[in-house]
All heavy atoms as atom14 arrays in JSON, in Angstrom:
{
  "sequence": "EHSIETLGAMAGFSCLLLWALSAKSDRYSELTRENDNELPKHWLRKVA",
  "atom14_mask": [
    [1, 1, 1, 1, 1, 1, 1, 1, 1, 0, 0, 0, 0, 0],
    [1, 1, 1, 1, 1, 1, 1, 1, 1, 1, 0, 0, 0, 0],
    [1, 1, 1, 1, 1, 1, 0, 0, 0, 0, 0, 0, 0, 0],
    [1, 1, 1, 1, 1, 1, 1, 1, 0, 0, 0, 0, 0, 0],
    [1, 1, 1, 1, 1, 1, 1, 1, 1, 0, 0, 0, 0, 0],
    [1, 1, 1, 1, 1, 1, 1, 0, 0, 0, 0, 0, 0, 0],
    [1, 1, 1, 1, 1, 1, 1, 1, 0, 0, 0, 0, 0, 0],
    [1, 1, 1, 1, 0, 0, 0, 0, 0, 0, 0, 0, 0, 0],
    [1, 1, 1, 1, 1, 0, 0, 0, 0, 0, 0, 0, 0, 0],
    [1, 1, 1, 1, 1, 1, 1, 1, 0, 0, 0, 0, 0, 0],
    [1, 1, 1, 1, 1, 0, 0, 0, 0, 0, 0, 0, 0, 0],
    [1, 1, 1, 1, 0, 0, 0, 0, 0, 0, 0, 0, 0, 0],
    [1, 1, 1, 1, 1, 1, 1, 1, 1, 1, 1, 0, 0, 0],
    [1, 1, 1, 1, 1, 1, 0, 0, 0, 0, 0, 0, 0, 0],
    [1, 1, 1, 1, 1, 1, 0, 0, 0, 0, 0, 0, 0, 0],
    [1, 1, 1, 1, 1, 1, 1, 1, 0, 0, 0, 0, 0, 0],
    [1, 1, 1, 1, 1, 1, 1, 1, 0, 0, 0, 0, 0, 0],
    [1, 1, 1, 1, 1, 1, 1, 1, 0, 0, 0, 0, 0, 0],
    [1, 1, 1, 1, 1, 1, 1, 1, 1, 1, 1, 1, 1, 1],
    [1, 1, 1, 1, 1, 0, 0, 0, 0, 0, 0, 0, 0, 0],
    [1, 1, 1, 1, 1, 1, 1, 1, 0, 0, 0, 0, 0, 0],
    [1, 1, 1, 1, 1, 1, 0, 0, 0, 0, 0, 0, 0, 0],
    [1, 1, 1, 1, 1, 0, 0, 0, 0, 0, 0, 0, 0, 0],
    [1, 1, 1, 1, 1, 1, 1, 1, 1, 0, 0, 0, 0, 0],
    [1, 1, 1, 1, 1, 1, 0, 0, 0, 0, 0, 0, 0, 0],
    [1, 1, 1, 1, 1, 1, 1, 1, 0, 0, 0, 0, 0, 0],
    [1, 1, 1, 1, 1, 1, 1, 1, 1, 1, 1, 0, 0, 0],
    [1, 1, 1, 1, 1, 1, 1, 1, 1, 1, 1, 1, 0, 0],
    [1, 1, 1, 1, 1, 1, 0, 0, 0, 0, 0, 0, 0, 0],
    [1, 1, 1, 1, 1, 1, 1, 1, 1, 0, 0, 0, 0, 0],
    [1, 1, 1, 1, 1, 1, 1, 1, 0, 0, 0, 0, 0, 0],
    [1, 1, 1, 1, 1, 1, 1, 0, 0, 0, 0, 0, 0, 0],
    [1, 1, 1, 1, 1, 1, 1, 1, 1, 1, 1, 0, 0, 0],
    [1, 1, 1, 1, 1, 1, 1, 1, 1, 0, 0, 0, 0, 0],
    [1, 1, 1, 1, 1, 1, 1, 1, 0, 0, 0, 0, 0, 0],
    [1, 1, 1, 1, 1, 1, 1, 1, 0, 0, 0, 0, 0, 0],
    [1, 1, 1, 1, 1, 1, 1, 1, 0, 0, 0, 0, 0, 0],
    [1, 1, 1, 1, 1, 1, 1, 1, 1, 0, 0, 0, 0, 0],
    [1, 1, 1, 1, 1, 1, 1, 1, 0, 0, 0, 0, 0, 0],
    [1, 1, 1, 1, 1, 1, 1, 0, 0, 0, 0, 0, 0, 0],
    [1, 1, 1, 1, 1, 1, 1, 1, 1, 0, 0, 0, 0, 0],
    [1, 1, 1, 1, 1, 1, 1, 1, 1, 1, 0, 0, 0, 0],
    [1, 1, 1, 1, 1, 1, 1, 1, 1, 1, 1, 1, 1, 1],
    [1, 1, 1, 1, 1, 1, 1, 1, 0, 0, 0, 0, 0, 0],
    [1, 1, 1, 1, 1, 1, 1, 1, 1, 1, 1, 0, 0, 0],
    [1, 1, 1, 1, 1, 1, 1, 1, 1, 0, 0, 0, 0, 0],
    [1, 1, 1, 1, 1, 1, 1, 0, 0, 0, 0, 0, 0, 0],
    [1, 1, 1, 1, 1, 0, 0, 0, 0, 0, 0, 0, 0, 0]
  ],
  "atom14_positions": [
    [[14.94, 15.72, -2.11], [14.27, 16.72, -1.29], [13.05, 17.23, -2.02], [13.04, 17.47, -3.25], [15.26, 17.86, -1.02], [14.76, 18.8, 0.05], [15.77, 19.87, 0.35], [16.85, 19.83, -0.24], [15.47, 20.71, 1.23], [0.0, 0.0, 0.0], [0.0, 0.0, 0.0], [0.0, 0.0, 0.0], [0.0, 0.0, 0.0], [0.0, 0.0, 0.0]],
    [[11.99, 17.38, -1.28], [10.66, 17.93, -1.69], [9.9, 17.01, -2.61], [8.91, 17.39, -3.24], [10.87, 19.27, -2.4], [11.52, 20.31, -1.63], [11.02, 20.69, -0.36], [12.64, 21.05, -1.83], [11.82, 21.62, 0.13], [12.79, 21.89, -0.73], [0.0, 0.0, 0.0], [0.0, 0.0, 0.0], [0.0, 0.0, 0.0], [0.0, 0.0, 0.0]],
    [[10.36, 15.69, -2.77], [9.64, 14.82, -3.66], [8.25, 14.47, -3.13], [7.27, 14.51, -3.92], [10.42, 13.45, -3.76], [11.68, 13.65, -4.33], [0.0, 0.0, 0.0], [0.0, 0.0, 0.0], [0.0, 0.0, 0.0], [0.0, 0.0, 0.0], [0.0, 0.0, 0.0], [0.0, 0.0, 0.0], [0.0, 0.0, 0.0], [0.0, 0.0, 0.0]],
    [[8.11, 14.24, -1.85], [6.8, 13.89, -1.27], [5.86, 15.1, -1.44], [4.68, 14.96, -1.79], [6.92, 13.51, 0.2], [7.56, 12.13, 0.3], [5.54, 13.44, 0.83], [6.77, 11.01, -0.32], [0.0, 0.0, 0.0], [0.0, 0.0, 0.0], [0.0, 0.0, 0.0], [0.0, 0.0, 0.0], [0.0, 0.0, 0.0], [0.0, 0.0, 0.0]],
    [[6.39, 16.28, -1.2], [5.62, 17.53, -1.3], [5.11, 17.75, -2.71], [3.95, 18.15, -2.96], [6.41, 18.75, -0.86], [6.71, 18.77, 0.68], [7.8, 17.88, 1.05], [8.45, 17.24, 0.21], [8.02, 17.71, 2.31], [0.0, 0.0, 0.0], [0.0, 0.0, 0.0], [0.0, 0.0, 0.0], [0.0, 0.0, 0.0], [0.0, 0.0, 0.0]],
    [[5.94, 17.46, -3.71], [5.56, 17.62, -5.11], [4.49, 16.59, -5.48], [3.53, 16.93, -6.14], [6.78, 17.45, -6.02], [7.75, 18.42, -5.72], [6.39, 17.56, -7.49], [0.0, 0.0, 0.0], [0.0, 0.0, 0.0], [0.0, 0.0, 0.0], [0.0, 0.0, 0.0], [0.0, 0.0, 0.0], [0.0, 0.0, 0.0], [0.0, 0.0, 0.0]],
    [[4.67, 15.35, -5.04], [3.65, 14.34, -5.31], [2.36, 14.7, -4.59], [1.22, 14.47, -5.16], [4.15, 12.96, -4.83], [5.28, 12.38, -5.65], [5.82, 11.07, -4.96], [4.87, 12.05, -7.03], [0.0, 0.0, 0.0], [0.0, 0.0, 0.0], [0.0, 0.0, 0.0], [0.0, 0.0, 0.0], [0.0, 0.0, 0.0], [0.0, 0.0, 0.0]],
    [[2.42, 15.24, -3.4], [1.21, 15.63, -2.68], [0.46, 16.74, -3.42], [-0.77, 16.73, -3.43], [0.0, 0.0, 0.0], [0.0, 0.0, 0.0], [0.0, 0.0, 0.0], [0.0, 0.0, 0.0], [0.0, 0.0, 0.0], [0.0, 0.0, 0.0], [0.0, 0.0, 0.0], [0.0, 0.0, 0.0], [0.0, 0.0, 0.0], [0.0, 0.0, 0.0]],
    [[1.2, 17.72, -3.97], [0.56, 18.82, -4.7], [-0.1, 18.31, -5.97], [-1.24, 18.69, -6.28], [1.67, 19.85, -5.12], [0.0, 0.0, 0.0], [0.0, 0.0, 0.0], [0.0, 0.0, 0.0], [0.0, 0.0, 0.0], [0.0, 0.0, 0.0], [0.0, 0.0, 0.0], [0.0, 0.0, 0.0], [0.0, 0.0, 0.0], [0.0, 0.0, 0.0]],
    [[0.57, 17.36, -6.63], [-0.08, 16.76, -7.86], [-1.32, 15.98, -7.51], [-2.31, 16.04, -8.18], [0.94, 15.9, -8.58], [2.14, 16.7, -9.09], [3.43, 15.59, -9.72], [2.63, 14.69, -11.03], [0.0, 0.0, 0.0], [0.0, 0.0, 0.0], [0.0, 0.0, 0.0], [0.0, 0.0, 0.0], [0.0, 0.0, 0.0], [0.0, 0.0, 0.0]],
    [[-1.22, 15.22, -6.44], [-2.39, 14.41, -5.99], [-3.54, 15.35, -5.52], [-4.72, 15.05, -5.79], [-2.0, 13.49, -4.89], [0.0, 0.0, 0.0], [0.0, 0.0, 0.0], [0.0, 0.0, 0.0], [0.0, 0.0, 0.0], [0.0, 0.0, 0.0], [0.0, 0.0, 0.0], [0.0, 0.0, 0.0], [0.0, 0.0, 0.0], [0.0, 0.0, 0.0]],
    [[-3.19, 16.42, -4.86], [-4.2, 17.37, -4.41], [-4.97, 18.01, -5.58], [-6.15, 18.15, -5.57], [0.0, 0.0, 0.0], [0.0, 0.0, 0.0], [0.0, 0.0, 0.0], [0.0, 0.0, 0.0], [0.0, 0.0, 0.0], [0.0, 0.0, 0.0], [0.0, 0.0, 0.0], [0.0, 0.0, 0.0], [0.0, 0.0, 0.0], [0.0, 0.0, 0.0]],
    [[-4.17, 18.34, -6.63], [-4.84, 18.95, -7.81], [-5.71, 17.9, -8.53], [-6.76, 18.25, -9.05], [-3.81, 19.55, -8.78], [-4.39, 20.38, -9.87], [-4.88, 21.65, -9.57], [-4.43, 19.9, -11.13], [-5.47, 22.42, -10.63], [-5.0, 20.68, -12.15], [-5.5, 21.91, -11.88], [0.0, 0.0, 0.0], [0.0, 0.0, 0.0], [0.0, 0.0, 0.0]],
    [[-5.24, 16.67, -8.51], [-6.03, 15.58, -9.13], [-7.37, 15.43, -8.41], [-8.38, 15.15, -9.05], [-5.28, 14.28, -9.09], [-4.06, 14.33, -9.75], [0.0, 0.0, 0.0], [0.0, 0.0, 0.0], [0.0, 0.0, 0.0], [0.0, 0.0, 0.0], [0.0, 0.0, 0.0], [0.0, 0.0, 0.0], [0.0, 0.0, 0.0], [0.0, 0.0, 0.0]],
    [[-7.35, 15.65, -7.09], [-8.62, 15.62, -6.31], [-9.57, 16.67, -6.82], [-10.8, 16.42, -6.97], [-8.35, 15.79, -4.83], [-7.77, 14.34, -3.99], [0.0, 0.0, 0.0], [0.0, 0.0, 0.0], [0.0, 0.0, 0.0], [0.0, 0.0, 0.0], [0.0, 0.0, 0.0], [0.0, 0.0, 0.0], [0.0, 0.0, 0.0], [0.0, 0.0, 0.0]],
    [[-9.08, 17.87, -7.06], [-9.92, 18.94, -7.49], [-10.53, 18.6, -8.86], [-11.75, 18.84, -9.1], [-9.12, 20.23, -7.67], [-8.41, 20.78, -6.45], [-7.81, 22.17, -6.73], [-9.26, 20.83, -5.23], [0.0, 0.0, 0.0], [0.0, 0.0, 0.0], [0.0, 0.0, 0.0], [0.0, 0.0, 0.0], [0.0, 0.0, 0.0], [0.0, 0.0, 0.0]],
    [[-9.79, 18.0, -9.75], [-10.25, 17.62, -11.06], [-11.33, 16.57, -10.99], [-12.38, 16.64, -11.62], [-9.11, 17.18, -11.97], [-8.14, 18.24, -12.39], [-6.95, 17.58, -13.18], [-8.81, 19.28, -13.3], [0.0, 0.0, 0.0], [0.0, 0.0, 0.0], [0.0, 0.0, 0.0], [0.0, 0.0, 0.0], [0.0, 0.0, 0.0], [0.0, 0.0, 0.0]],
    [[-11.1, 15.52, -10.14], [-12.05, 14.45, -10.03], [-13.36, 14.92, -9.41], [-14.44, 14.55, -9.83], [-11.45, 13.31, -9.18], [-10.35, 12.55, -9.8], [-9.64, 11.59, -8.79], [-10.88, 11.71, -10.99], [0.0, 0.0, 0.0], [0.0, 0.0, 0.0], [0.0, 0.0, 0.0], [0.0, 0.0, 0.0], [0.0, 0.0, 0.0], [0.0, 0.0, 0.0]],
    [[-13.23, 15.88, -8.43], [-14.44, 16.44, -7.85], [-15.23, 17.25, -8.83], [-16.43, 17.16, -8.9], [-14.02, 17.3, -6.6], [-15.18, 17.96, -5.96], [-16.21, 17.4, -5.26], [-15.38, 19.4, -5.92], [-17.05, 18.4, -4.78], [-16.53, 19.61, -5.16], [-14.75, 20.49, -6.42], [-17.06, 20.91, -4.97], [-15.23, 21.77, -6.2], [-16.37, 21.95, -5.42]],
    [[-14.53, 18.09, -9.61], [-15.22, 18.93, -10.56], [-15.91, 18.05, -11.63], [-17.04, 18.37, -12.04], [-14.16, 19.81, -11.24], [0.0, 0.0, 0.0], [0.0, 0.0, 0.0], [0.0, 0.0, 0.0], [0.0, 0.0, 0.0], [0.0, 0.0, 0.0], [0.0, 0.0, 0.0], [0.0, 0.0, 0.0], [0.0, 0.0, 0.0], [0.0, 0.0, 0.0]],
    [[-15.23, 17.0, -12.1], [-15.82, 16.21, -13.18], [-16.96, 15.31, -12.68], [-17.67, 14.75, -13.53], [-14.72, 15.32, -13.8], [-13.63, 16.11, -14.62], [-12.54, 15.17, -15.01], [-14.27, 16.77, -15.81], [0.0, 0.0, 0.0], [0.0, 0.0, 0.0], [0.0, 0.0, 0.0], [0.0, 0.0, 0.0], [0.0, 0.0, 0.0], [0.0, 0.0, 0.0]],
    [[-17.11, 15.19, -11.37], [-18.19, 14.31, -10.91], [-19.51, 15.06, -10.64], [-20.42, 14.56, -10.1], [-17.77, 13.64, -9.58], [-17.58, 14.57, -8.57], [0.0, 0.0, 0.0], [0.0, 0.0, 0.0], [0.0, 0.0, 0.0], [0.0, 0.0, 0.0], [0.0, 0.0, 0.0], [0.0, 0.0, 0.0], [0.0, 0.0, 0.0], [0.0, 0.0, 0.0]],
    [[-19.55, 16.35, -11.03], [-20.79, 17.17, -10.82], [-21.93, 16.62, -11.61], [-21.78, 16.1, -12.71], [-20.54, 18.59, -11.25], [0.0, 0.0, 0.0], [0.0, 0.0, 0.0], [0.0, 0.0, 0.0], [0.0, 0.0, 0.0], [0.0, 0.0, 0.0], [0.0, 0.0, 0.0], [0.0, 0.0, 0.0], [0.0, 0.0, 0.0], [0.0, 0.0, 0.0]],
    [[-23.13, 16.72, -11.06], [-24.35, 16.14, -11.68], [-25.28, 17.25, -12.21], [-26.22, 16.94, -12.9], [-25.1, 15.27, -10.7], [-24.27, 13.98, -10.26], [-24.0, 13.08, -11.41], [-23.29, 11.84, -10.99], [-21.98, 12.09, -10.4], [0.0, 0.0, 0.0], [0.0, 0.0, 0.0], [0.0, 0.0, 0.0], [0.0, 0.0, 0.0], [0.0, 0.0, 0.0]],
    [[-25.08, 18.51, -11.79], [-25.9, 19.6, -12.26], [-25.15, 20.87, -12.08], [-23.98, 20.89, -11.69], [-27.17, 19.62, -11.39], [-26.92, 20.11, -10.1], [0.0, 0.0, 0.0], [0.0, 0.0, 0.0], [0.0, 0.0, 0.0], [0.0, 0.0, 0.0], [0.0, 0.0, 0.0], [0.0, 0.0, 0.0], [0.0, 0.0, 0.0], [0.0, 0.0, 0.0]],
    [[-25.74, 22.03, -12.43], [-25.13, 23.3, -12.33], [-25.65, 24.13, -11.14], [-25.57, 25.35, -11.14], [-25.27, 24.1, -13.64], [-26.71, 24.32, -14.01], [-27.57, 23.84, -13.31], [-26.91, 25.07, -15.03], [0.0, 0.0, 0.0], [0.0, 0.0, 0.0], [0.0, 0.0, 0.0], [0.0, 0.0, 0.0], [0.0, 0.0, 0.0], [0.0, 0.0, 0.0]],
    [[-26.23, 23.46, -10.19], [-26.88, 24.16, -9.04], [-25.82, 24.64, -8.02], [-24.71, 24.16, -8.02], [-27.92, 23.27, -8.33], [-29.07, 22.88, -9.24], [-29.91, 21.85, -8.56], [-31.01, 21.4, -9.39], [-31.6, 20.21, -9.34], [-31.21, 19.37, -8.46], [-32.59, 19.91, -10.19], [0.0, 0.0, 0.0], [0.0, 0.0, 0.0], [0.0, 0.0, 0.0]],
    [[-26.28, 25.55, -7.16], [-25.45, 26.0, -6.02], [-25.06, 24.83, -5.15], [-23.88, 24.79, -4.69], [-26.25, 27.05, -5.24], [-25.71, 27.29, -3.83], [-24.64, 28.09, -3.61], [-26.29, 26.66, -2.74], [-24.17, 28.32, -2.33], [-25.85, 26.85, -1.47], [-24.74, 27.71, -1.23], [-24.27, 27.91, 0.01], [0.0, 0.0, 0.0], [0.0, 0.0, 0.0]],
    [[-25.93, 23.85, -4.95], [-25.63, 22.76, -4.11], [-24.47, 21.95, -4.58], [-23.78, 21.24, -3.74], [-26.89, 21.91, -3.89], [-27.31, 21.35, -5.16], [0.0, 0.0, 0.0], [0.0, 0.0, 0.0], [0.0, 0.0, 0.0], [0.0, 0.0, 0.0], [0.0, 0.0, 0.0], [0.0, 0.0, 0.0], [0.0, 0.0, 0.0], [0.0, 0.0, 0.0]],
    [[-24.22, 21.94, -5.88], [-23.06, 21.16, -6.35], [-21.75, 21.69, -5.81], [-20.8, 20.92, -5.73], [-23.04, 21.22, -7.92], [-24.06, 20.37, -8.6], [-23.81, 18.89, -8.47], [-22.63, 18.49, -8.43], [-24.76, 18.17, -8.33], [0.0, 0.0, 0.0], [0.0, 0.0, 0.0], [0.0, 0.0, 0.0], [0.0, 0.0, 0.0], [0.0, 0.0, 0.0]],
    [[-21.69, 22.97, -5.49], [-20.45, 23.53, -4.93], [-20.29, 23.31, -3.47], [-19.14, 23.11, -2.98], [-20.43, 25.07, -5.2], [-19.9, 25.54, -6.54], [-20.1, 27.1, -6.64], [-18.45, 25.21, -6.73], [0.0, 0.0, 0.0], [0.0, 0.0, 0.0], [0.0, 0.0, 0.0], [0.0, 0.0, 0.0], [0.0, 0.0, 0.0], [0.0, 0.0, 0.0]],
    [[-21.41, 23.22, -2.74], [-21.3, 23.3, -1.3], [-21.66, 21.99, -0.59], [-21.69, 21.91, 0.63], [-22.24, 24.41, -0.78], [-23.55, 24.15, -1.17], [-21.81, 25.74, -1.25], [0.0, 0.0, 0.0], [0.0, 0.0, 0.0], [0.0, 0.0, 0.0], [0.0, 0.0, 0.0], [0.0, 0.0, 0.0], [0.0, 0.0, 0.0], [0.0, 0.0, 0.0]],
    [[-22.0, 20.97, -1.31], [-22.37, 19.74, -0.67], [-21.66, 18.55, -1.31], [-21.05, 18.66, -2.43], [-23.9, 19.46, -0.75], [-24.36, 19.17, -2.15], [-25.87, 18.95, -2.2], [-26.21, 17.79, -1.44], [-27.46, 17.22, -1.47], [-28.39, 17.78, -2.18], [-27.75, 16.17, -0.77], [0.0, 0.0, 0.0], [0.0, 0.0, 0.0], [0.0, 0.0, 0.0]],
    [[-21.76, 17.39, -0.64], [-21.19, 16.14, -1.18], [-22.04, 15.7, -2.35], [-23.15, 16.12, -2.54], [-21.14, 15.07, -0.12], [-20.33, 15.45, 1.15], [-20.66, 14.59, 2.35], [-21.6, 13.76, 2.25], [-20.01, 14.77, 3.4], [0.0, 0.0, 0.0], [0.0, 0.0, 0.0], [0.0, 0.0, 0.0], [0.0, 0.0, 0.0], [0.0, 0.0, 0.0]],
    [[-21.58, 14.68, -3.09], [-22.32, 14.1, -4.19], [-23.55, 13.38, -3.71], [-23.57, 12.85, -2.58], [-21.46, 13.11, -4.97], [-20.53, 13.83, -5.97], [-20.09, 14.93, -5.7], [-20.31, 13.22, -7.12], [0.0, 0.0, 0.0], [0.0, 0.0, 0.0], [0.0, 0.0, 0.0], [0.0, 0.0, 0.0], [0.0, 0.0, 0.0], [0.0, 0.0, 0.0]],
    [[-24.59, 13.39, -4.52], [-25.87, 12.74, -4.14], [-25.79, 11.21, -4.3], [-26.64, 10.48, -3.91], [-26.99, 13.25, -5.06], [-27.55, 14.47, -4.52], [-27.42, 14.74, -3.35], [-28.1, 15.28, -5.32], [0.0, 0.0, 0.0], [0.0, 0.0, 0.0], [0.0, 0.0, 0.0], [0.0, 0.0, 0.0], [0.0, 0.0, 0.0], [0.0, 0.0, 0.0]],
    [[-24.7, 10.73, -4.96], [-24.56, 9.29, -5.2], [-25.67, 8.74, -6.02], [-26.36, 7.76, -5.65], [-24.46, 8.54, -3.86], [-22.99, 8.1, -3.56], [-22.09, 8.37, -4.36], [-22.79, 7.45, -2.43], [0.0, 0.0, 0.0], [0.0, 0.0, 0.0], [0.0, 0.0, 0.0], [0.0, 0.0, 0.0], [0.0, 0.0, 0.0], [0.0, 0.0, 0.0]],
    [[-25.97, 9.33, -7.18], [-26.97, 8.82, -8.05], [-26.49, 7.54, -8.77], [-27.28, 6.81, -9.28], [-27.37, 9.87, -9.08], [-28.18, 10.97, -8.44], [-28.02, 12.32, -9.17], [-27.06, 12.42, -10.01], [-28.76, 13.22, -8.9], [0.0, 0.0, 0.0], [0.0, 0.0, 0.0], [0.0, 0.0, 0.0], [0.0, 0.0, 0.0], [0.0, 0.0, 0.0]],
    [[-25.17, 7.35, -8.81], [-24.61, 6.15, -9.4], [-24.85, 4.98, -8.42], [-25.17, 5.26, -7.27], [-23.08, 6.36, -9.61], [-22.66, 7.45, -10.65], [-21.2, 7.69, -10.57], [-23.11, 6.96, -12.01], [0.0, 0.0, 0.0], [0.0, 0.0, 0.0], [0.0, 0.0, 0.0], [0.0, 0.0, 0.0], [0.0, 0.0, 0.0], [0.0, 0.0, 0.0]],
    [[-24.68, 3.76, -8.9], [-24.87, 2.61, -7.98], [-24.05, 2.8, -6.67], [-22.84, 3.04, -6.76], [-24.44, 1.42, -8.83], [-24.61, 1.82, -10.2], [-24.38, 3.35, -10.22], [0.0, 0.0, 0.0], [0.0, 0.0, 0.0], [0.0, 0.0, 0.0], [0.0, 0.0, 0.0], [0.0, 0.0, 0.0], [0.0, 0.0, 0.0], [0.0, 0.0, 0.0]],
    [[-24.68, 2.65, -5.52], [-24.01, 2.98, -4.25], [-22.93, 1.93, -3.88], [-23.13, 0.74, -4.03], [-25.02, 3.08, -3.17], [-25.92, 4.29, -3.31], [-26.87, 4.45, -2.13], [-27.72, 5.67, -2.29], [-28.64, 5.88, -1.13], [0.0, 0.0, 0.0], [0.0, 0.0, 0.0], [0.0, 0.0, 0.0], [0.0, 0.0, 0.0], [0.0, 0.0, 0.0]],
    [[-21.77, 2.39, -3.46], [-20.76, 1.56, -2.92], [-19.96, 2.41, -1.88], [-19.71, 3.56, -2.17], [-19.85, 1.03, -3.98], [-18.94, -0.05, -3.52], [-17.9, 0.14, -2.63], [-18.99, -1.41, -3.77], [-17.29, -1.04, -2.38], [-17.95, -1.95, -3.04], [0.0, 0.0, 0.0], [0.0, 0.0, 0.0], [0.0, 0.0, 0.0], [0.0, 0.0, 0.0]],
    [[-19.6, 1.86, -0.77], [-19.01, 2.7, 0.32], [-17.63, 3.2, -0.13], [-17.25, 4.31, 0.31], [-18.9, 1.88, 1.6], [-18.03, 0.68, 1.62], [-18.38, -0.57, 1.26], [-16.65, 0.63, 2.03], [-17.34, -1.43, 1.41], [-16.27, -0.73, 1.87], [-15.74, 1.53, 2.57], [-15.0, -1.15, 2.21], [-14.5, 1.12, 2.87], [-14.11, -0.21, 2.69]],
    [[-16.91, 2.49, -1.02], [-15.61, 3.03, -1.48], [-15.79, 4.27, -2.38], [-15.01, 5.19, -2.31], [-14.82, 1.93, -2.24], [-14.15, 0.89, -1.39], [-13.54, -0.16, -2.31], [-13.1, 1.49, -0.47], [0.0, 0.0, 0.0], [0.0, 0.0, 0.0], [0.0, 0.0, 0.0], [0.0, 0.0, 0.0], [0.0, 0.0, 0.0], [0.0, 0.0, 0.0]],
    [[-16.88, 4.24, -3.17], [-17.16, 5.45, -3.97], [-17.52, 6.6, -3.07], [-17.11, 7.77, -3.33], [-18.33, 5.14, -4.98], [-18.7, 6.34, -5.8], [-19.84, 6.01, -6.78], [-19.36, 5.06, -7.8], [-19.88, 3.89, -8.02], [-20.87, 3.49, -7.32], [-19.39, 3.09, -8.94], [0.0, 0.0, 0.0], [0.0, 0.0, 0.0], [0.0, 0.0, 0.0]],
    [[-18.27, 6.33, -2.0], [-18.62, 7.4, -1.06], [-17.41, 7.97, -0.4], [-17.29, 9.21, -0.16], [-19.63, 6.86, -0.03], [-20.18, 7.89, 0.94], [-20.99, 8.87, 0.24], [-21.69, 9.82, 1.28], [-22.31, 11.0, 0.63], [0.0, 0.0, 0.0], [0.0, 0.0, 0.0], [0.0, 0.0, 0.0], [0.0, 0.0, 0.0], [0.0, 0.0, 0.0]],
    [[-16.45, 7.11, -0.02], [-15.18, 7.54, 0.57], [-14.47, 8.54, -0.41], [-14.0, 9.61, -0.04], [-14.28, 6.38, 0.88], [-12.84, 6.87, 1.21], [-14.87, 5.6, 2.05], [0.0, 0.0, 0.0], [0.0, 0.0, 0.0], [0.0, 0.0, 0.0], [0.0, 0.0, 0.0], [0.0, 0.0, 0.0], [0.0, 0.0, 0.0], [0.0, 0.0, 0.0]],
    [[-14.36, 8.1, -1.66], [-13.72, 8.95, -2.69], [-14.37, 10.23, -2.85], [-13.72, 11.33, -2.89], [-13.59, 8.16, -4.01], [0.0, 0.0, 0.0], [0.0, 0.0, 0.0], [0.0, 0.0, 0.0], [0.0, 0.0, 0.0], [0.0, 0.0, 0.0], [0.0, 0.0, 0.0], [0.0, 0.0, 0.0], [0.0, 0.0, 0.0], [0.0, 0.0, 0.0]]
  ]
}
């Protein structure tokens, strides 16, 4: 019981960490917009 919910919480927090670590600057826009994709473009990276 609650296994899926626990895994979902861990995965959700992992999303926050990956999003935070992918920041490219310290501007306001880093908080409120998607990534600029300055890395080589690929649609799977954009999905992530």
